[in-house]
Protein backbone atom coordinates (compact mmCIF):
# COMPACT_ATOMS: atom_id res chain seq x y z
CA MET A 1 -54.29 -25.30 -29.57
CA SER A 2 -50.66 -26.11 -29.63
CA ALA A 3 -48.68 -26.05 -26.44
CA THR A 4 -46.30 -23.17 -26.10
CA ALA A 5 -42.70 -24.27 -25.70
CA PRO A 6 -40.99 -22.90 -22.60
CA LEU A 7 -38.74 -19.94 -23.18
CA GLN A 8 -35.15 -21.11 -23.50
CA VAL A 9 -32.70 -18.73 -21.86
CA ASP A 10 -29.14 -19.33 -22.93
CA HIS A 11 -26.90 -18.35 -20.02
CA PRO A 12 -23.42 -17.58 -21.31
CA ARG A 13 -20.61 -19.31 -19.56
CA SER A 14 -18.05 -17.29 -17.64
CA SER A 15 -15.45 -17.92 -20.35
CA ASP A 16 -17.90 -16.74 -23.03
CA ARG A 17 -18.69 -13.58 -21.10
CA ALA A 18 -14.98 -12.87 -20.72
CA ALA A 19 -14.53 -13.32 -24.46
CA LEU A 20 -17.41 -10.95 -25.17
CA LEU A 21 -15.79 -8.34 -22.93
CA ASP A 22 -12.38 -9.03 -24.48
CA GLU A 23 -10.99 -9.70 -21.01
CA ALA A 24 -8.99 -12.55 -19.59
CA PRO A 25 -10.78 -14.54 -16.86
CA LEU A 26 -10.09 -13.54 -13.26
CA VAL A 27 -9.01 -17.07 -12.35
CA GLN A 28 -7.27 -19.30 -14.86
CA GLY A 29 -6.57 -23.01 -14.90
CA LYS A 30 -8.69 -26.01 -13.99
CA ASP A 31 -8.57 -25.70 -10.21
CA ASP A 32 -11.66 -26.86 -8.35
CA PHE A 33 -12.36 -25.79 -4.78
CA ARG A 34 -10.15 -28.48 -3.26
CA SER A 35 -7.13 -27.94 -5.49
CA LEU A 36 -7.39 -24.16 -5.00
CA THR A 37 -7.36 -24.65 -1.23
CA ASP A 38 -4.44 -27.07 -1.52
CA LYS A 39 -2.46 -24.57 -3.57
CA VAL A 40 -2.85 -21.65 -1.15
CA THR A 41 -2.59 -23.57 2.12
CA GLY A 42 0.38 -25.53 0.78
CA ILE A 43 2.45 -22.33 0.80
CA VAL A 44 1.91 -22.09 4.56
CA LEU A 45 1.94 -25.75 5.56
CA ASN A 46 4.72 -27.04 3.29
CA LYS A 47 8.42 -26.26 3.10
CA PRO A 48 9.08 -22.83 1.53
CA PRO A 49 10.94 -22.55 -1.79
CA SER A 50 14.67 -21.89 -1.62
CA GLY A 51 14.19 -18.44 -3.14
CA TRP A 52 12.11 -17.39 -0.14
CA LEU A 53 14.97 -18.16 2.26
CA ILE A 54 17.44 -16.16 0.15
CA LEU A 55 15.14 -13.14 0.01
CA PHE A 56 14.41 -13.44 3.72
CA CYS A 57 18.13 -13.39 4.57
CA LEU A 58 18.60 -10.28 2.42
CA ALA A 59 15.63 -8.57 4.07
CA VAL A 60 16.88 -9.40 7.56
CA SER A 61 20.30 -8.01 6.62
CA LEU A 62 18.68 -4.70 5.72
CA LEU A 63 16.65 -4.85 8.92
CA LEU A 64 19.88 -5.18 10.92
CA VAL A 65 21.17 -2.08 9.13
CA LEU A 66 18.05 -0.24 10.30
CA GLY A 67 18.54 -1.49 13.85
CA GLY A 68 22.17 -0.38 13.92
CA SER A 69 21.26 3.03 12.51
CA LEU A 70 18.56 3.59 15.13
CA VAL A 71 20.84 2.49 17.97
CA HIS A 72 23.49 4.96 16.79
CA LEU A 73 20.82 7.65 16.40
CA VAL A 74 19.55 7.19 19.96
CA GLY A 75 23.06 7.12 21.38
CA THR A 76 24.37 10.13 19.46
CA GLY A 77 21.40 12.28 18.39
CA ILE A 78 19.84 13.40 15.11
CA GLY A 79 22.99 15.37 14.33
CA ILE A 80 24.20 12.21 12.57
CA TRP A 81 21.70 13.05 9.82
CA GLY A 82 22.38 15.79 7.30
CA LEU A 83 19.85 18.19 8.85
CA ASN A 84 20.78 21.80 9.54
CA THR A 85 19.09 24.93 10.89
CA THR A 86 17.54 25.71 7.49
CA VAL A 87 16.63 22.22 6.28
CA ASN A 88 15.39 20.66 9.51
CA TRP A 89 13.12 18.19 7.70
CA ALA A 90 14.62 16.02 4.99
CA TRP A 91 15.01 12.26 4.50
CA ASP A 92 13.24 11.47 7.77
CA ILE A 93 9.93 13.17 6.97
CA THR A 94 10.32 12.20 3.31
CA GLY A 95 10.46 8.56 4.41
CA PHE A 96 7.46 9.02 6.70
CA VAL A 97 5.22 10.45 3.96
CA PHE A 98 6.52 7.87 1.47
CA TRP A 99 5.58 4.89 3.65
CA VAL A 100 2.18 6.27 4.66
CA GLY A 101 1.44 6.69 0.96
CA ILE A 102 2.49 3.11 0.17
CA GLY A 103 -0.14 1.85 2.60
CA HIS A 104 -3.07 3.48 0.82
CA ALA A 105 -3.53 0.93 -1.96
CA GLY A 106 -4.32 -1.87 0.48
CA THR A 107 -7.27 -0.05 2.02
CA LEU A 108 -8.56 1.09 -1.36
CA ILE A 109 -8.41 -2.44 -2.80
CA SER A 110 -9.94 -4.04 0.29
CA ALA A 111 -12.58 -1.49 1.24
CA ILE A 112 -13.58 0.76 -1.65
CA LEU A 113 -13.41 -1.90 -4.35
CA PHE A 114 -15.33 -4.25 -2.03
CA LEU A 115 -18.12 -1.69 -1.62
CA PHE A 116 -18.24 -1.28 -5.40
CA ARG A 117 -18.34 -5.09 -5.76
CA GLN A 118 -15.25 -5.28 -7.94
CA LYS A 119 -14.49 -9.00 -8.10
CA TRP A 120 -10.96 -8.59 -9.42
CA ARG A 121 -9.82 -7.44 -5.98
CA THR A 122 -10.26 -10.90 -4.42
CA SER A 123 -6.90 -12.40 -5.38
CA ILE A 124 -4.81 -9.42 -4.31
CA ASN A 125 -6.68 -7.81 -1.43
CA ARG A 126 -5.12 -9.95 1.33
CA ALA A 127 -1.54 -9.16 0.34
CA ALA A 128 -2.41 -5.49 -0.23
CA GLU A 129 -3.97 -5.25 3.25
CA ALA A 130 -0.85 -6.78 4.79
CA MET A 131 1.29 -4.34 2.83
CA THR A 132 -0.72 -1.48 4.35
CA ILE A 133 0.01 -2.58 7.91
CA PHE A 134 3.71 -3.15 7.24
CA ALA A 135 4.08 0.20 5.46
CA VAL A 136 2.47 2.04 8.38
CA ALA A 137 4.86 0.22 10.74
CA CYS A 138 7.78 1.54 8.66
CA ALA A 139 6.29 5.04 8.66
CA ALA A 140 5.93 5.01 12.45
CA ILE A 141 9.71 4.79 12.83
CA TYR A 142 10.35 8.29 11.52
CA PRO A 143 8.30 10.60 13.79
CA VAL A 144 9.65 8.78 16.84
CA ALA A 145 13.25 8.78 15.58
CA HIS A 146 12.97 12.46 14.61
CA LEU A 147 12.29 13.34 18.25
CA GLY A 148 15.90 12.52 19.06
CA ARG A 149 15.02 11.55 22.62
CA ILE A 150 12.65 8.74 21.78
CA TRP A 151 12.00 7.93 25.43
CA PHE A 152 9.74 11.01 25.43
CA ALA A 153 7.64 9.75 22.51
CA HIS A 154 4.65 9.30 24.81
CA TRP A 155 4.44 13.09 25.05
CA LEU A 156 2.87 13.00 21.58
CA PHE A 157 -0.25 11.50 23.13
CA PRO A 158 -2.67 13.26 25.50
CA ILE A 159 -1.59 11.26 28.54
CA PRO A 160 -1.85 12.97 31.97
CA ASN A 161 1.57 13.55 33.51
CA GLN A 162 3.11 15.22 36.55
CA MET A 163 4.36 18.21 34.52
CA SER A 164 0.89 19.03 33.12
CA ILE A 165 2.34 19.04 29.60
CA TRP A 166 -0.48 18.73 27.07
CA PRO A 167 -0.17 18.34 23.29
CA ASN A 168 -1.14 21.24 21.06
CA PHE A 169 -4.35 20.08 19.40
CA LYS A 170 -4.07 22.93 16.89
CA SER A 171 -0.94 21.38 15.42
CA PRO A 172 -1.29 19.16 12.32
CA LEU A 173 1.62 17.11 13.68
CA LEU A 174 -0.67 15.94 16.47
CA TRP A 175 -3.44 15.31 13.96
CA ASP A 176 -0.97 13.00 12.24
CA VAL A 177 -0.57 10.94 15.40
CA PHE A 178 -4.30 10.31 15.66
CA ALA A 179 -4.87 9.84 11.93
CA VAL A 180 -2.07 7.33 11.36
CA SER A 181 -2.72 5.40 14.59
CA THR A 182 -6.44 5.16 13.74
CA TYR A 183 -5.59 4.06 10.22
CA ALA A 184 -3.23 1.37 11.50
CA THR A 185 -5.77 0.08 14.03
CA VAL A 186 -8.71 -0.13 11.62
CA SER A 187 -6.54 -1.63 8.86
CA ALA A 188 -5.19 -4.32 11.21
CA LEU A 189 -8.69 -5.26 12.41
CA PHE A 190 -10.04 -5.29 8.86
CA TRP A 191 -7.17 -7.54 7.76
CA PHE A 192 -7.63 -9.91 10.70
CA VAL A 193 -11.39 -10.25 10.20
CA GLY A 194 -10.81 -11.23 6.57
CA LEU A 195 -8.29 -13.87 7.68
CA ILE A 196 -10.61 -15.73 10.07
CA PRO A 197 -12.22 -18.24 7.62
CA ASP A 198 -8.85 -19.06 6.06
CA LEU A 199 -7.21 -19.47 9.47
CA ALA A 200 -9.88 -22.08 10.23
CA THR A 201 -8.99 -23.85 6.98
CA LEU A 202 -5.33 -23.93 8.05
CA ARG A 203 -6.37 -25.26 11.46
CA ASP A 204 -8.26 -28.13 9.87
CA ARG A 205 -5.45 -28.99 7.44
CA ALA A 206 -2.46 -28.59 9.75
CA THR A 207 -0.68 -31.82 10.69
CA SER A 208 1.44 -30.30 13.45
CA ARG A 209 -0.21 -30.06 16.86
CA THR A 210 1.44 -26.68 17.45
CA LYS A 211 0.02 -25.25 14.23
CA GLN A 212 -3.41 -26.65 15.03
CA ILE A 213 -3.40 -24.90 18.41
CA VAL A 214 -2.07 -21.59 17.03
CA PHE A 215 -4.46 -21.45 14.08
CA GLY A 216 -7.28 -22.69 16.30
CA ILE A 217 -6.79 -19.77 18.68
CA LEU A 218 -6.46 -17.23 15.86
CA CYS A 219 -9.61 -18.37 14.02
CA LEU A 220 -11.71 -17.68 17.15
CA GLY A 221 -13.63 -20.95 17.01
CA TRP A 222 -14.78 -20.54 13.40
CA ARG A 223 -16.86 -23.49 12.18
CA GLY A 224 -18.31 -22.12 8.96
CA SER A 225 -21.91 -22.20 10.16
CA HIS A 226 -24.60 -19.98 8.69
CA ARG A 227 -24.49 -17.75 11.78
CA HIS A 228 -20.71 -17.41 11.54
CA TRP A 229 -20.86 -16.40 7.89
CA LEU A 230 -23.67 -13.93 8.61
CA HIS A 231 -21.71 -12.21 11.37
CA TYR A 232 -18.52 -12.33 9.32
CA GLU A 233 -20.10 -10.59 6.32
CA LYS A 234 -21.66 -7.92 8.53
CA ALA A 235 -18.36 -7.25 10.30
CA TYR A 236 -16.45 -7.14 7.00
CA LEU A 237 -18.96 -4.67 5.56
CA ILE A 238 -18.76 -2.45 8.66
CA PHE A 239 -14.96 -2.38 8.56
CA ALA A 240 -15.05 -1.63 4.83
CA GLY A 241 -17.31 1.33 5.58
CA LEU A 242 -15.02 2.54 8.37
CA SER A 243 -11.91 2.14 6.23
CA THR A 244 -13.23 3.98 3.18
CA PRO A 245 -13.10 7.54 4.61
CA LEU A 246 -9.65 6.76 6.01
CA VAL A 247 -8.32 6.36 2.46
CA LEU A 248 -9.11 10.03 1.91
CA SER A 249 -8.59 11.44 5.38
CA VAL A 250 -5.20 10.03 6.40
CA HIS A 251 -3.08 11.46 3.60
CA THR A 252 -5.19 14.62 3.64
CA ILE A 253 -4.12 15.16 7.25
CA VAL A 254 -0.52 14.29 6.35
CA SER A 255 -0.68 17.00 3.68
CA PHE A 256 -1.78 19.49 6.36
CA ASP A 257 1.71 19.17 7.89
CA PHE A 258 2.76 21.34 4.97
CA ALA A 259 -0.38 23.09 3.69
CA VAL A 260 -1.18 24.96 6.94
CA SER A 261 2.29 26.50 7.07
CA ILE A 262 3.35 29.79 5.47
CA VAL A 263 6.38 28.33 3.70
CA PRO A 264 6.30 29.12 -0.06
CA GLY A 265 5.80 25.87 -1.95
CA TRP A 266 3.79 24.36 0.91
CA HIS A 267 1.02 26.89 1.54
CA THR A 268 -1.48 25.66 -1.05
CA THR A 269 -4.99 24.20 -0.99
CA ILE A 270 -4.26 21.64 -3.71
CA PHE A 271 -2.21 19.48 -1.35
CA PRO A 272 -5.00 17.26 0.11
CA PRO A 273 -6.30 15.78 -3.20
CA TYR A 274 -2.78 15.90 -4.64
CA PHE A 275 -1.39 13.84 -1.75
CA VAL A 276 -4.27 11.33 -1.82
CA ALA A 277 -3.87 10.71 -5.57
CA GLY A 278 -0.11 10.34 -5.12
CA ALA A 279 -0.58 7.89 -2.24
CA ILE A 280 -2.89 5.64 -4.26
CA PHE A 281 -0.49 5.96 -7.21
CA SER A 282 2.54 4.79 -5.23
CA GLY A 283 0.59 2.16 -3.29
CA PHE A 284 -0.68 0.42 -6.41
CA ALA A 285 2.82 0.50 -7.88
CA MET A 286 4.16 -1.31 -4.81
CA VAL A 287 1.37 -3.91 -5.01
CA VAL A 288 2.30 -4.59 -8.65
CA THR A 289 5.97 -4.98 -7.68
CA LEU A 290 5.15 -7.46 -4.91
CA MET A 291 2.55 -9.44 -6.86
CA VAL A 292 4.85 -9.93 -9.86
CA PHE A 293 7.34 -11.60 -7.51
CA ALA A 294 4.81 -13.52 -5.41
CA ARG A 295 2.83 -15.07 -8.28
CA LYS A 296 6.03 -16.38 -9.84
CA ALA A 297 7.70 -17.57 -6.64
CA PHE A 298 4.67 -19.52 -5.36
CA GLY A 299 3.14 -20.62 -8.66
CA LEU A 300 0.02 -18.47 -8.33
CA GLN A 301 -0.19 -17.35 -11.96
CA GLY A 302 -3.65 -18.93 -12.19
CA LEU A 303 -4.97 -16.92 -9.22
CA ILE A 304 -3.09 -13.63 -9.66
CA THR A 305 -3.57 -13.28 -13.39
CA ILE A 306 -2.54 -10.78 -16.02
CA ARG A 307 -6.01 -9.27 -15.72
CA HIS A 308 -5.40 -8.38 -12.06
CA LEU A 309 -2.09 -6.77 -12.92
CA GLU A 310 -3.55 -4.97 -15.93
CA ASN A 311 -6.38 -3.50 -13.85
CA MET A 312 -3.86 -2.20 -11.32
CA ASN A 313 -1.83 -0.69 -14.15
CA LYS A 314 -4.96 1.13 -15.31
CA VAL A 315 -5.32 2.63 -11.84
CA ILE A 316 -1.64 3.62 -11.95
CA VAL A 317 -1.98 5.47 -15.26
CA ALA A 318 -5.18 7.19 -14.04
CA THR A 319 -3.71 8.38 -10.74
CA GLY A 320 -0.41 9.21 -12.44
CA THR A 321 -2.28 11.52 -14.79
CA MET A 322 -3.92 13.17 -11.76
CA VAL A 323 -0.51 13.67 -10.18
CA GLY A 324 0.80 15.19 -13.41
CA TYR A 325 -2.18 17.55 -13.47
CA ALA A 326 -1.39 18.56 -9.88
CA TYR A 327 2.21 19.35 -10.87
CA GLY A 328 0.95 21.61 -13.64
CA MET A 329 -1.60 23.31 -11.39
CA GLU A 330 1.07 24.02 -8.78
CA LEU A 331 3.06 25.93 -11.38
CA PHE A 332 -0.03 27.74 -12.66
CA ILE A 333 -1.18 28.77 -9.16
CA ALA A 334 2.30 30.04 -8.30
CA TRP A 335 2.32 32.17 -11.47
CA TYR A 336 -1.32 33.31 -11.24
CA SER A 337 -1.04 34.29 -7.56
CA GLY A 338 1.41 37.06 -8.37
CA ASN A 339 3.27 36.21 -5.16
CA ALA A 340 6.99 36.73 -5.78
CA TYR A 341 7.96 34.20 -3.11
CA GLU A 342 5.74 31.47 -4.55
CA ARG A 343 7.04 32.14 -8.05
CA PHE A 344 10.62 31.94 -6.83
CA ALA A 345 9.98 28.70 -4.91
CA PHE A 346 8.74 26.90 -8.02
CA ALA A 347 11.30 28.45 -10.36
CA ASN A 348 13.93 27.25 -7.91
CA ARG A 349 12.50 23.72 -8.05
CA ILE A 350 12.67 23.60 -11.82
CA LEU A 351 15.93 25.44 -12.44
CA GLY A 352 17.70 25.58 -9.07
CA PRO A 353 20.24 23.31 -7.37
CA TYR A 354 17.69 20.50 -7.02
CA ALA A 355 16.44 20.65 -10.62
CA TRP A 356 17.82 17.13 -11.12
CA ALA A 357 15.46 15.84 -8.40
CA TYR A 358 12.46 17.69 -9.85
CA TRP A 359 12.94 16.33 -13.36
CA THR A 360 13.56 12.82 -12.01
CA MET A 361 10.21 13.15 -10.24
CA VAL A 362 8.42 14.32 -13.40
CA SER A 363 9.98 11.60 -15.55
CA CYS A 364 9.12 8.75 -13.19
CA ASN A 365 5.65 9.94 -12.15
CA VAL A 366 4.27 11.51 -15.31
CA ILE A 367 6.14 10.32 -18.40
CA PHE A 368 6.86 6.62 -17.82
CA PRO A 369 3.37 5.66 -16.48
CA GLN A 370 1.82 6.99 -19.70
CA LEU A 371 3.21 3.89 -21.41
CA PHE A 372 0.38 1.99 -19.70
CA TRP A 373 -2.04 3.47 -22.23
CA PHE A 374 -0.76 0.72 -24.52
CA LYS A 375 -2.21 -2.72 -23.79
CA LYS A 376 1.01 -4.43 -24.84
CA VAL A 377 2.89 -2.55 -22.11
CA ARG A 378 0.09 -2.97 -19.52
CA THR A 379 0.20 -6.74 -19.94
CA SER A 380 3.99 -7.14 -20.13
CA ILE A 381 5.42 -8.47 -16.87
CA PRO A 382 8.94 -6.99 -17.33
CA ALA A 383 7.54 -3.61 -18.41
CA MET A 384 5.08 -3.29 -15.52
CA PHE A 385 7.71 -4.41 -13.02
CA ILE A 386 10.21 -1.77 -14.17
CA ILE A 387 7.60 1.00 -14.37
CA SER A 388 6.20 0.16 -10.92
CA ILE A 389 9.68 0.54 -9.42
CA LEU A 390 10.24 3.80 -11.32
CA VAL A 391 6.92 5.12 -9.97
CA ASN A 392 7.97 4.59 -6.37
CA ILE A 393 11.37 6.12 -7.04
CA GLY A 394 9.54 9.11 -8.48
CA MET A 395 7.14 9.31 -5.54
CA TRP A 396 10.03 9.35 -3.08
CA PHE A 397 11.58 12.19 -5.08
CA GLU A 398 8.22 14.00 -5.05
CA ARG A 399 8.22 14.11 -1.24
CA PHE A 400 11.91 15.05 -1.22
CA VAL A 401 11.31 17.90 -3.68
CA ILE A 402 8.32 19.23 -1.74
CA ILE A 403 10.15 19.18 1.58
CA VAL A 404 13.76 20.06 0.85
CA THR A 405 13.45 22.51 -2.05
CA SER A 406 10.90 24.55 -0.10
CA LEU A 407 13.17 24.78 2.94
CA HIS A 408 16.68 25.24 1.58
CA ARG A 409 15.83 28.69 0.18
CA ASP A 410 13.95 30.55 2.92
CA PHE A 411 13.16 34.26 3.35
CA LEU A 412 16.72 35.12 4.46
CA PRO A 413 19.35 34.63 1.72
CA SER A 414 22.00 34.44 4.44
CA SER A 415 20.35 31.19 5.60
CA TRP A 416 20.33 29.53 2.20
CA THR A 417 22.02 26.16 2.17
CA TYR A 418 22.23 22.84 0.32
CA PHE A 419 21.16 19.65 2.03
CA ARG A 420 23.44 16.64 1.65
CA PRO A 421 22.37 13.33 3.19
CA THR A 422 24.81 11.41 5.34
CA ILE A 423 25.36 7.67 5.37
CA TRP A 424 22.99 7.51 8.35
CA ASP A 425 20.15 9.14 6.42
CA MET A 426 20.59 6.50 3.75
CA SER A 427 21.00 3.54 6.10
CA THR A 428 17.86 4.49 8.03
CA PHE A 429 15.77 4.80 4.87
CA PHE A 430 17.05 1.71 3.07
CA GLY A 431 16.94 -0.20 6.35
CA SER A 432 13.22 0.53 6.56
CA PHE A 433 12.83 -1.54 3.39
CA GLY A 434 14.40 -4.37 5.36
CA LEU A 435 11.64 -4.09 7.96
CA PHE A 436 8.96 -3.95 5.26
CA PHE A 437 10.20 -6.94 3.26
CA THR A 438 10.95 -9.00 6.38
CA LEU A 439 7.37 -8.57 7.58
CA PHE A 440 5.96 -9.25 4.11
CA LEU A 441 8.03 -12.41 3.63
CA LEU A 442 6.98 -13.70 7.05
CA PHE A 443 3.37 -12.99 6.09
CA VAL A 444 3.47 -14.95 2.82
CA ARG A 445 5.22 -17.82 4.59
CA TYR A 446 2.99 -18.22 7.64
CA LEU A 447 -0.42 -16.83 6.58
CA PRO A 448 -2.53 -17.35 3.43
CA MET A 449 -1.59 -14.55 1.03
CA VAL A 450 -4.71 -15.12 -1.08
CA ALA A 451 -8.23 -14.91 0.37
CA ILE A 452 -9.32 -18.51 -0.27
CA SER A 453 -12.97 -18.07 0.66
CA GLU A 454 -13.34 -15.00 -1.58
CA VAL A 455 -11.48 -16.38 -4.59
CA LYS A 456 -13.68 -19.48 -4.60
CA GLY A 457 -16.64 -17.25 -5.35
CA ILE A 458 -15.19 -16.12 -8.69
CA THR A 459 -13.79 -19.43 -9.91
CA PRO A 460 -15.42 -21.27 -12.82
CA ALA A 461 -16.42 -23.97 -10.32
CA ALA A 462 -18.67 -21.44 -8.55
CA ASP A 463 -20.50 -20.58 -11.78
CA PRO A 464 -23.66 -22.74 -12.06
CA HIS A 465 -23.60 -22.18 -15.83
CA GLY A 466 -19.89 -22.92 -16.18
CA SER A 467 -18.23 -25.97 -17.65
CA HIS A 468 -17.75 -27.70 -14.29
CA SER A 469 -20.21 -30.24 -13.06
CA ASN A 470 -22.54 -29.45 -10.19
CA ASP A 471 -20.90 -32.08 -8.03
CA GLU A 472 -17.52 -30.42 -8.47
CA ALA A 473 -18.94 -26.95 -7.97
CA HIS A 474 -20.40 -27.87 -4.61
CA HIS A 475 -17.49 -29.99 -3.47
CA ALA A 476 -16.28 -28.73 -0.08
CA ALA A 477 -12.55 -28.28 0.36
């Protein structure tokens, strides 16, 4: 009886699997674990490129504009803005909703895609998480500044005081305070937990005593033991679970600022899913904008690949289509309701004094993103960079159209007016970009912008059936 030969199982290599799926690999190049660690930690430990310093100076200049605008606002009052008795929300609340929306992509990439085990998130999740925190910091400026007397901002919180003044818990504006502050807290903790292993790597590689002490304190005594990794993975999973409902709840509650009112154009039940889709849409567009710059400036094309950018562009075209559907449903509901005020509100948006803003919104949010259906456009760096900027321009106009066009024509024709922003509206908004980019540039300079420990798990060196030798695959950085 002849011996039966053992069954030979041919395990395809990672490159072969990518070819079968007609997809580019997630990580390109010949980096092993050590060279990958050197590449990412070198950004933090070595001298920054000259381009970083130029961009940082520009960002700080815009930040100074924001500081000057806020000082003038506190000293003079919100009358320096273009607000009036009819349009009492405009660029300030538009900026608030815009920045809260920008922060949604980071949580979705970090939490939801982690729970669904999407490996392509690993190279971009760290920067997206940081973007979330910085965007929420920018958003927090507006509610406080809108108070006028910012020294009474603590009245927004249920803090006992001698006047027995208590917030109105039935107001969605108070819901905003709790939703956004909870979102910021959980996002910051989630981001920090993910940083711990990489902070330990920086501690071990730092040559400066000061950096060793700072990174040593921040990494909380991480040694990479089995127990540490076990606790780390449990904590990361718990925070991912806590963050996931926040992706849906935060912008839902922000939409209640408008949806629970009786103002025509606001009083609609479609706002919660509409706002969430728009937030993810704008957030992913901002991540694409930042990653196109970062991968080029720091030579990370092998870690942040075209496949990462293409996947984000697919999310953009999907959520952009949802937003376009919401625009159409708004018009249909206004017509189908038979409510004369609702019909007028939407006819005024399309054909009224702010028609230019409405059609700018539609062009940037619905028409241009449809170009991403074509692979050639999805994988073109210049095309995706331009479209990602157009998307965020369109999303700012969306919030402006919702807020201003619904207010400037109210129930009394004698109160009708036209809102015109002042230089202080503009300086406050554009200055907030200075805060955002200053924080982001400091982040990429002093903290690892790519999750080293996670990216190692998807490199060819981590594949036991890949082309790398076992010695190289198990080589510790």
